Amino acid sequence: MSASIMLFTRDLRVRDNPALAAACRAEHVVPLFVFDDAILNGPFAAPGRVRFLLESLADLRMSLRELGGDLVVRRGDPVAEVARLAGETGAGSLFLADERSAYGARRLGRLRGLDVEVSAQPGITVVPPGELTPAGGDHYRVFTPYWRAWDAARWRPIAKAPRTVGLPPGVEPGTLPRLADLASGSPPPEPAPGGEREGRRRMDRWLSEAASDYDEVHDDLAADRTSRLSPYLKFGCVSPLELAKAGPDGFRRQLAWRDFHHQVAAAFPALARDDYRPRGHRWNEDEDALAAWRDGMTGVPIVDAGMRQLRREGFMHNRARLITASFLTRDLGVDWRHGLRHFNDLLVDGDIADNAGNWQWVAGTGNNTRPGQVMNPLRQASRFDRGGDYVRRYVPELAGVEGARVHRPWTLAASGTRAPAYPPPIIDIG
């Protein structure tokens, strides 16, 4: 009897999953997910992400059962659990997605030390980190040349979903834990539901109904016409390759940015801790300003709307992410690492490489070719929330302010209009 183990990590789907497809070539396969104590006991076990993870695993288990198998659930050290199951089932091979984060690389190295044949397969990004390299370098440091190479690259074919999954006899699947067993605190009150079924439903609907004008409207904050697929990409509920092949050019460029940050993080594992390009910043340690920013009480409506969307939904529009990050680092002069930690606490789609890469890009310490670039929040608001609808959606104190005046509520009293119960700006922004 030949048997293999399929270790799910950030690829919680059965469609276009090269590792699962390869594992299912064996007579029997053990689909395994391990709740890793090294992650659950660290800063990345945010309740919003853990809730999404649990829903995604329940959906994955359902799909595997429909194929005749099951999802085997364990908790502890993934390497120890793989070794234990290999001994119990006689599995001689292990398949998993090729994840290049610092932790993923360490885990893969330890797995290769077991007495099983280990195969790391693509699937987390469109183009695996390290597959594209510039002449004389180990990774691309500037996006535009990376984008040209990425767009011209030959992509792998989409992997077919397995027809059957044959679990070896005698393997106890285990039960999925409750959210309270894994994380403390409450998830966002208006979260997106997890799972491949929901991800594909949203992907299909967006591609058929809204993707055609993505290039024109994706920065429009009030329109909210982005795909909102980022949590499903984070957990691998949908395939980035399928999206890249089906989506419009502007969306494909966003996926290329995601791949770009992953290849930077693979080459610079300290991306979430250290400046990629140190520029001698002297950050302002203003705890009151940082608290106002976190709470969406800066008195700058476009910034506060973004921060309140984050707290309510565990999600923030990409344009708002840029505006709020620029305000914290450029206007308040607060270290980007404080912002990164707050985003990581609340974002359901909190991806280490993408989150840290974008924060450093905005702060001028990363891969931005214009490190002095500052996004004036009022100009950004006039361009991307012209009528003020995004602000009114998330800042109820300003719901009655008409038109673009919502972006400068501190001017209302001077014009004879009753000012809303909303704080004045914590700094002068013009």
Protein backbone atom coordinates (compact mmCIF):
# COMPACT_ATOMS: atom_id res chain seq x y z
CA MET A 1 0.00 0.00 0.00
CA SER A 2 1.44 3.38 -1.00
CA ALA A 3 0.48 6.34 1.16
CA SER A 4 1.34 10.02 1.22
CA ILE A 5 0.65 12.94 3.54
CA MET A 6 -0.75 16.23 2.28
CA LEU A 7 0.11 18.98 4.77
CA PHE A 8 -2.20 21.97 4.27
CA THR A 9 -0.79 25.33 5.39
CA ARG A 10 -1.87 28.37 3.36
CA ASP A 11 -3.56 26.46 0.53
CA LEU A 12 -6.99 25.58 1.97
CA ARG A 13 -8.63 24.46 -1.27
CA VAL A 14 -9.06 21.39 -3.46
CA ARG A 15 -9.08 23.22 -6.84
CA ASP A 16 -5.77 24.20 -8.42
CA ASN A 17 -3.80 22.79 -5.53
CA PRO A 18 -0.66 21.21 -7.05
CA ALA A 19 0.45 19.69 -3.74
CA LEU A 20 -2.91 17.96 -3.19
CA ALA A 21 -3.05 16.78 -6.80
CA ALA A 22 0.43 15.25 -6.48
CA ALA A 23 -0.32 13.65 -3.11
CA CYS A 24 -3.46 12.00 -4.49
CA ARG A 25 -1.42 9.99 -6.99
CA ALA A 26 -0.72 7.61 -4.10
CA GLU A 27 -3.21 4.88 -3.26
CA HIS A 28 -3.97 6.51 0.07
CA VAL A 29 -3.48 10.10 1.20
CA VAL A 30 -3.67 11.73 4.62
CA PRO A 31 -4.92 15.34 4.25
CA LEU A 32 -3.50 17.00 7.36
CA PHE A 33 -3.80 20.37 9.05
CA VAL A 34 -1.88 21.07 12.23
CA PHE A 35 -2.83 23.92 14.55
CA ASP A 36 0.70 25.09 15.12
CA ASP A 37 1.38 26.21 18.70
CA ALA A 38 4.33 28.30 17.50
CA ILE A 39 1.83 30.44 15.56
CA LEU A 40 -1.10 30.26 17.96
CA ASN A 41 1.05 31.43 20.85
CA GLY A 42 2.49 34.34 18.85
CA PRO A 43 1.23 37.70 17.61
CA PHE A 44 -0.31 36.29 14.42
CA ALA A 45 -3.22 34.49 16.11
CA ALA A 46 -5.61 37.43 15.68
CA PRO A 47 -9.22 36.38 16.41
CA GLY A 48 -10.48 37.59 13.04
CA ARG A 49 -7.97 35.46 11.15
CA VAL A 50 -8.47 32.45 13.41
CA ARG A 51 -12.24 32.61 12.87
CA PHE A 52 -11.72 32.80 9.09
CA LEU A 53 -9.26 29.89 9.32
CA LEU A 54 -11.73 27.70 11.23
CA GLU A 55 -14.49 28.38 8.72
CA SER A 56 -12.11 27.63 5.85
CA LEU A 57 -11.04 24.34 7.44
CA ALA A 58 -14.67 23.29 8.01
CA ASP A 59 -15.33 23.98 4.33
CA LEU A 60 -12.19 22.08 3.28
CA ARG A 61 -13.22 19.11 5.42
CA MET A 62 -16.60 19.08 3.71
CA SER A 63 -14.99 19.08 0.26
CA LEU A 64 -12.60 16.26 1.17
CA ARG A 65 -15.45 14.18 2.59
CA GLU A 66 -17.35 14.63 -0.67
CA LEU A 67 -14.31 13.11 -2.39
CA GLY A 68 -14.30 10.11 -0.06
CA GLY A 69 -11.65 11.36 2.36
CA ASP A 70 -11.47 13.64 5.37
CA LEU A 71 -9.35 16.35 6.93
CA VAL A 72 -7.11 15.05 9.70
CA VAL A 73 -6.77 17.71 12.38
CA ARG A 74 -4.01 17.81 14.97
CA ARG A 75 -2.49 20.42 17.29
CA GLY A 76 1.16 20.89 18.20
CA ASP A 77 4.39 20.89 16.20
CA PRO A 78 3.67 20.17 12.49
CA VAL A 79 6.96 18.28 12.08
CA ALA A 80 6.24 16.02 15.04
CA GLU A 81 2.68 15.37 13.86
CA VAL A 82 3.84 14.51 10.33
CA ALA A 83 6.41 12.10 11.76
CA ARG A 84 3.76 10.48 13.96
CA LEU A 85 1.28 10.02 11.11
CA ALA A 86 3.97 8.74 8.77
CA GLY A 87 4.81 6.08 11.33
CA GLU A 88 1.15 5.16 11.85
CA THR A 89 0.27 4.93 8.15
CA GLY A 90 3.56 3.94 6.54
CA ALA A 91 3.46 7.07 4.39
CA GLY A 92 6.68 7.49 2.47
CA SER A 93 6.04 10.92 0.96
CA LEU A 94 4.92 14.35 2.09
CA PHE A 95 3.49 17.14 -0.07
CA LEU A 96 2.90 20.74 0.90
CA ALA A 97 2.78 24.22 -0.62
CA ASP A 98 6.12 25.93 -1.08
CA GLU A 99 5.91 28.80 1.39
CA ARG A 100 8.98 31.07 1.52
CA SER A 101 8.31 33.06 4.69
CA ALA A 102 11.05 32.84 7.30
CA TYR A 103 8.95 30.49 9.40
CA GLY A 104 7.80 28.47 6.38
CA ALA A 105 11.40 27.99 5.27
CA ARG A 106 12.44 26.78 8.73
CA ARG A 107 9.51 24.38 8.86
CA LEU A 108 10.35 22.99 5.42
CA GLY A 109 13.97 22.48 6.45
CA ARG A 110 12.90 20.50 9.52
CA LEU A 111 10.44 18.43 7.49
CA ARG A 112 13.22 17.50 5.09
CA GLY A 113 15.01 15.95 8.05
CA LEU A 114 12.29 13.30 8.47
CA ASP A 115 12.42 9.84 6.95
CA VAL A 116 9.95 10.73 4.18
CA GLU A 117 10.35 12.16 0.69
CA VAL A 118 9.31 15.83 0.85
CA SER A 119 7.94 17.71 -2.17
CA ALA A 120 7.16 21.46 -1.92
CA GLN A 121 4.80 22.50 -4.70
CA PRO A 122 3.80 25.97 -6.03
CA GLY A 123 0.41 27.47 -5.32
CA ILE A 124 0.69 30.32 -2.79
CA THR A 125 1.73 32.88 -5.42
CA VAL A 126 1.31 33.09 -9.19
CA VAL A 127 5.07 32.95 -9.73
CA PRO A 128 7.10 31.33 -6.92
CA PRO A 129 9.67 33.53 -5.16
CA GLY A 130 13.10 33.06 -6.66
CA GLU A 131 11.81 31.92 -10.05
CA LEU A 132 12.37 35.40 -11.50
CA THR A 133 15.70 37.07 -10.78
CA PRO A 134 17.44 40.07 -12.36
CA ALA A 135 20.88 39.87 -13.86
CA GLY A 136 23.43 40.06 -11.05
CA GLY A 137 20.94 39.82 -8.19
CA ASP A 138 18.97 37.32 -6.13
CA HIS A 139 15.67 39.21 -6.24
CA TYR A 140 14.01 42.25 -7.79
CA ARG A 141 14.24 45.39 -5.67
CA VAL A 142 12.08 47.59 -7.95
CA PHE A 143 8.57 46.65 -9.00
CA THR A 144 8.41 47.82 -12.64
CA PRO A 145 11.14 45.51 -14.00
CA TYR A 146 9.68 42.71 -11.89
CA TRP A 147 6.25 43.35 -13.38
CA ARG A 148 7.65 43.12 -16.91
CA ALA A 149 9.36 39.81 -16.11
CA TRP A 150 6.30 38.51 -14.26
CA ASP A 151 3.93 39.40 -17.07
CA ALA A 152 6.17 37.69 -19.66
CA ALA A 153 6.80 34.54 -17.58
CA ARG A 154 5.38 31.15 -18.50
CA TRP A 155 2.97 30.16 -15.77
CA ARG A 156 2.30 26.62 -14.66
CA PRO A 157 -0.93 24.94 -15.83
CA ILE A 158 -3.90 24.94 -13.47
CA ALA A 159 -3.93 21.73 -11.44
CA LYS A 160 -7.06 19.59 -11.63
CA ALA A 161 -8.97 18.82 -8.47
CA PRO A 162 -8.66 15.18 -7.40
CA ARG A 163 -11.55 12.87 -8.21
CA THR A 164 -11.12 10.82 -5.04
CA VAL A 165 -9.21 11.13 -1.77
CA GLY A 166 -8.51 7.74 -0.19
CA LEU A 167 -7.81 8.11 3.53
CA PRO A 168 -5.88 5.14 4.99
CA PRO A 169 -7.99 2.94 7.30
CA GLY A 170 -7.73 3.50 11.01
CA VAL A 171 -6.76 7.19 10.94
CA GLU A 172 -8.78 9.25 13.43
CA PRO A 173 -9.65 12.59 11.76
CA GLY A 174 -10.01 14.58 14.98
CA THR A 175 -12.32 17.52 15.64
CA LEU A 176 -12.01 21.17 14.78
CA PRO A 177 -11.55 23.35 17.87
CA ARG A 178 -13.68 26.35 18.80
CA LEU A 179 -12.51 29.91 18.32
CA ALA A 180 -12.27 30.37 22.10
CA ASP A 181 -9.85 27.43 22.27
CA LEU A 182 -7.39 29.16 19.94
CA ALA A 183 -7.61 32.92 20.31
CA SER A 184 -8.62 35.52 22.87
CA GLY A 185 -10.64 38.59 22.05
CA SER A 186 -13.47 39.13 19.60
CA PRO A 187 -13.31 39.03 15.81
CA PRO A 188 -14.55 42.02 13.77
CA PRO A 189 -18.34 42.38 13.97
CA GLU A 190 -18.84 42.38 10.17
CA PRO A 191 -16.41 39.78 8.84
CA ALA A 192 -16.31 37.97 5.52
CA PRO A 193 -17.08 34.24 5.83
CA GLY A 194 -14.20 31.86 5.19
CA GLY A 195 -13.85 28.86 2.89
CA GLU A 196 -13.21 27.81 -0.69
CA ARG A 197 -16.91 27.66 -1.58
CA GLU A 198 -17.50 31.24 -0.46
CA GLY A 199 -14.25 32.38 -2.05
CA ARG A 200 -15.13 30.85 -5.41
CA ARG A 201 -18.66 32.23 -5.22
CA ARG A 202 -17.28 35.72 -4.68
CA MET A 203 -14.60 35.25 -7.30
CA ASP A 204 -17.08 34.06 -9.96
CA ARG A 205 -19.53 36.85 -9.18
CA TRP A 206 -16.84 39.53 -9.23
CA LEU A 207 -15.34 38.28 -12.50
CA SER A 208 -18.74 38.20 -14.18
CA GLU A 209 -20.26 41.39 -12.75
CA ALA A 210 -17.57 43.86 -11.71
CA ALA A 211 -14.13 42.98 -13.03
CA SER A 212 -14.57 44.60 -16.44
CA ASP A 213 -14.26 48.17 -15.10
CA TYR A 214 -11.79 47.36 -12.31
CA ASP A 215 -9.04 49.49 -13.87
CA GLU A 216 -11.28 52.57 -13.76
CA VAL A 217 -12.95 52.20 -10.35
CA HIS A 218 -10.69 50.18 -8.05
CA ASP A 219 -9.39 53.34 -6.33
CA ASP A 220 -12.88 54.79 -5.82
CA LEU A 221 -13.39 54.44 -2.07
CA ALA A 222 -17.14 54.97 -2.04
CA ALA A 223 -17.80 52.63 -4.97
CA ASP A 224 -16.17 49.72 -3.12
CA ARG A 225 -15.60 47.89 -6.40
CA THR A 226 -12.45 46.00 -5.44
CA SER A 227 -12.65 42.21 -5.50
CA ARG A 228 -12.50 41.79 -1.68
CA LEU A 229 -10.77 38.48 -2.34
CA SER A 230 -7.66 39.24 -0.28
CA PRO A 231 -8.65 37.05 2.74
CA TYR A 232 -9.29 34.15 0.38
CA LEU A 233 -5.87 34.66 -1.19
CA LYS A 234 -4.23 34.90 2.21
CA PHE A 235 -5.56 31.48 3.24
CA GLY A 236 -5.40 29.93 -0.22
CA CYS A 237 -9.16 29.44 -0.48
CA VAL A 238 -8.90 30.68 -4.07
CA SER A 239 -6.02 30.23 -6.47
CA PRO A 240 -3.97 33.33 -7.31
CA LEU A 241 -3.09 31.70 -10.63
CA GLU A 242 -6.75 31.25 -11.59
CA LEU A 243 -7.39 34.89 -10.72
CA ALA A 244 -4.37 36.07 -12.70
CA LYS A 245 -5.50 34.17 -15.77
CA ALA A 246 -9.09 35.41 -15.54
CA GLY A 247 -8.79 38.94 -14.13
CA PRO A 248 -8.31 42.27 -15.93
CA ASP A 249 -4.88 43.86 -16.41
CA GLY A 250 -5.13 46.18 -13.42
CA PHE A 251 -6.02 43.32 -11.12
CA ARG A 252 -3.23 41.17 -12.49
CA ARG A 253 -0.87 44.00 -11.64
CA GLN A 254 -2.08 43.89 -8.03
CA LEU A 255 -1.37 40.15 -7.95
CA ALA A 256 2.09 40.90 -9.32
CA TRP A 257 2.63 43.34 -6.43
CA ARG A 258 1.69 40.53 -4.06
CA ASP A 259 4.22 38.21 -5.70
CA PHE A 260 6.79 41.01 -5.67
CA HIS A 261 6.51 41.43 -1.90
CA HIS A 262 6.74 37.67 -1.40
CA GLN A 263 10.00 37.47 -3.35
CA VAL A 264 11.37 40.45 -1.38
CA ALA A 265 10.42 38.78 1.92
CA ALA A 266 12.00 35.50 0.81
CA ALA A 267 15.28 37.30 0.16
CA PHE A 268 14.99 39.59 3.22
CA PRO A 269 13.28 37.52 5.96
CA ALA A 270 13.43 40.42 8.45
CA LEU A 271 11.04 42.51 6.32
CA ALA A 272 8.47 42.75 9.14
CA ARG A 273 11.11 43.89 11.67
CA ASP A 274 13.92 45.81 10.00
CA ASP A 275 14.09 48.63 7.46
CA TYR A 276 14.69 47.14 4.03
CA ARG A 277 16.50 50.34 3.07
CA PRO A 278 17.54 52.18 6.24
CA ARG A 279 17.34 55.95 5.77
CA GLY A 280 18.16 57.20 9.25
CA HIS A 281 14.57 57.93 10.28
CA ARG A 282 14.04 59.45 13.72
CA TRP A 283 10.52 58.37 14.59
CA ASN A 284 8.16 60.28 16.84
CA GLU A 285 7.13 58.24 19.91
CA ASP A 286 3.77 59.94 20.45
CA GLU A 287 1.50 57.45 22.21
CA ASP A 288 -1.51 59.79 22.17
CA ALA A 289 -1.26 60.32 18.41
CA LEU A 290 -0.85 56.59 17.84
CA ALA A 291 -3.90 55.84 20.00
CA ALA A 292 -5.99 58.42 18.12
CA TRP A 293 -4.94 56.85 14.82
CA ARG A 294 -5.77 53.33 16.01
CA ASP A 295 -9.19 54.42 17.27
CA GLY A 296 -10.12 56.42 14.17
CA MET A 297 -10.22 59.65 16.16
CA THR A 298 -7.57 61.77 14.43
CA GLY A 299 -10.09 64.40 13.31
CA VAL A 300 -9.13 63.75 9.66
CA PRO A 301 -12.26 62.08 8.25
CA ILE A 302 -10.70 60.08 5.42
CA VAL A 303 -8.14 58.60 7.83
CA ASP A 304 -10.70 57.87 10.53
CA ALA A 305 -13.06 56.23 8.04
CA GLY A 306 -10.35 53.80 6.98
CA MET A 307 -9.39 52.94 10.54
CA ARG A 308 -13.01 52.37 11.53
CA GLN A 309 -13.62 50.17 8.49
CA LEU A 310 -10.66 48.07 9.63
CA ARG A 311 -12.08 47.63 13.12
CA ARG A 312 -15.59 46.88 11.87
CA GLU A 313 -14.81 44.51 9.01
CA GLY A 314 -11.27 43.24 9.51
CA PHE A 315 -10.68 44.71 6.07
CA MET A 316 -9.74 48.07 4.62
CA HIS A 317 -9.94 49.37 1.06
CA ASN A 318 -6.46 49.37 -0.47
CA ARG A 319 -6.48 53.11 -1.20
CA ALA A 320 -7.48 53.74 2.43
CA ARG A 321 -4.58 51.54 3.58
CA LEU A 322 -2.17 53.78 1.71
CA ILE A 323 -3.77 56.97 3.06
CA THR A 324 -3.87 55.81 6.70
CA ALA A 325 -0.32 54.43 6.56
CA SER A 326 1.02 57.63 5.03
CA PHE A 327 -0.75 59.71 7.67
CA LEU A 328 0.78 57.69 10.50
CA THR A 329 4.33 57.59 9.17
CA ARG A 330 4.62 60.84 7.19
CA ASP A 331 2.26 63.26 8.96
CA LEU A 332 2.55 61.94 12.52
CA GLY A 333 6.09 60.63 12.07
CA VAL A 334 5.31 57.38 13.92
CA ASP A 335 7.37 54.25 13.24
CA TRP A 336 5.81 52.03 10.56
CA ARG A 337 6.21 48.98 12.82
CA HIS A 338 3.48 50.33 15.13
CA GLY A 339 1.12 50.55 12.18
CA LEU A 340 2.11 47.13 10.91
CA ARG A 341 1.33 45.57 14.31
CA HIS A 342 -2.10 47.22 14.47
CA PHE A 343 -2.99 46.13 10.95
CA ASN A 344 -1.77 42.64 11.78
CA ASP A 345 -4.01 42.57 14.86
CA LEU A 346 -7.15 43.31 12.87
CA LEU A 347 -6.73 42.44 9.19
CA VAL A 348 -8.25 39.09 8.27
CA ASP A 349 -6.06 39.16 5.15
CA GLY A 350 -2.96 40.04 7.22
CA ASP A 351 -0.20 38.57 5.07
CA ILE A 352 3.29 39.08 6.51
CA ALA A 353 5.06 39.76 3.21
CA ASP A 354 2.38 41.94 1.64
CA ASN A 355 1.55 43.85 4.82
CA ALA A 356 5.18 44.59 5.74
CA GLY A 357 6.14 45.33 2.14
CA ASN A 358 3.38 47.89 1.74
CA TRP A 359 4.08 49.56 5.08
CA GLN A 360 7.75 49.94 4.24
CA TRP A 361 6.87 51.21 0.75
CA VAL A 362 4.69 53.96 2.23
CA ALA A 363 7.17 54.80 5.01
CA GLY A 364 10.01 55.24 2.51
CA THR A 365 12.13 52.44 3.96
CA GLY A 366 11.15 49.79 1.43
CA ASN A 367 10.97 49.37 -2.34
CA ASN A 368 9.53 52.77 -3.22
CA THR A 369 11.63 54.50 -5.89
CA ARG A 370 10.31 57.82 -4.53
CA PRO A 371 11.03 57.41 -0.80
CA GLY A 372 10.10 61.03 -0.05
CA GLN A 373 6.55 60.61 -1.40
CA VAL A 374 3.81 61.86 0.94
CA MET A 375 0.07 61.33 0.40
CA ASN A 376 -1.77 64.44 1.55
CA PRO A 377 -5.00 63.05 3.05
CA LEU A 378 -7.16 65.96 1.91
CA ARG A 379 -5.99 65.72 -1.69
CA GLN A 380 -6.44 61.95 -1.56
CA ALA A 381 -9.97 62.42 -0.22
CA SER A 382 -10.89 64.88 -2.98
CA ARG A 383 -9.65 62.43 -5.62
CA PHE A 384 -10.92 59.12 -4.30
CA ASP A 385 -13.95 60.05 -2.16
CA ARG A 386 -15.10 63.11 -4.03
CA GLY A 387 -18.66 63.14 -2.70
CA GLY A 388 -17.73 62.00 0.80
CA ASP A 389 -19.82 58.82 0.75
CA TYR A 390 -17.00 56.62 2.06
CA VAL A 391 -16.50 58.87 5.06
CA ARG A 392 -20.22 59.04 5.83
CA ARG A 393 -20.41 55.23 5.64
CA TYR A 394 -17.87 54.70 8.42
CA VAL A 395 -17.95 57.94 10.47
CA PRO A 396 -21.55 58.30 11.68
CA GLU A 397 -20.84 61.64 13.39
CA LEU A 398 -20.51 63.12 9.89
CA ALA A 399 -23.49 61.39 8.30
CA GLY A 400 -25.43 64.64 8.04
CA VAL A 401 -22.66 66.70 6.41
CA GLU A 402 -23.35 67.20 2.73
CA GLY A 403 -20.96 66.75 -0.16
CA ALA A 404 -17.22 67.22 -0.04
CA ARG A 405 -17.49 69.43 3.07
CA VAL A 406 -17.44 66.18 5.02
CA HIS A 407 -13.67 66.06 4.49
CA ARG A 408 -13.15 69.41 6.29
CA PRO A 409 -15.72 69.42 9.09
CA TRP A 410 -13.63 71.84 11.16
CA THR A 411 -14.55 74.59 8.68
CA LEU A 412 -18.30 74.26 9.21
CA ALA A 413 -18.52 76.46 12.30
CA ALA A 414 -16.73 79.30 10.52
CA SER A 415 -19.38 79.20 7.78
CA GLY A 416 -22.22 79.43 10.27
CA THR A 417 -23.10 75.72 10.09
CA ARG A 418 -23.39 73.79 13.33
CA ALA A 419 -20.25 71.66 13.71
CA PRO A 420 -20.78 67.93 14.27
CA ALA A 421 -19.68 66.14 17.44
CA TYR A 422 -16.39 65.17 15.92
CA PRO A 423 -12.85 65.93 17.13
CA PRO A 424 -10.67 68.58 15.50
CA PRO A 425 -7.59 67.37 13.60
CA ILE A 426 -4.76 66.33 15.91
CA ILE A 427 -2.30 68.08 13.56
CA ASP A 428 -2.53 70.90 11.04
CA ILE A 429 -2.95 69.33 7.58
CA GLY A 430 -3.87 72.50 5.70
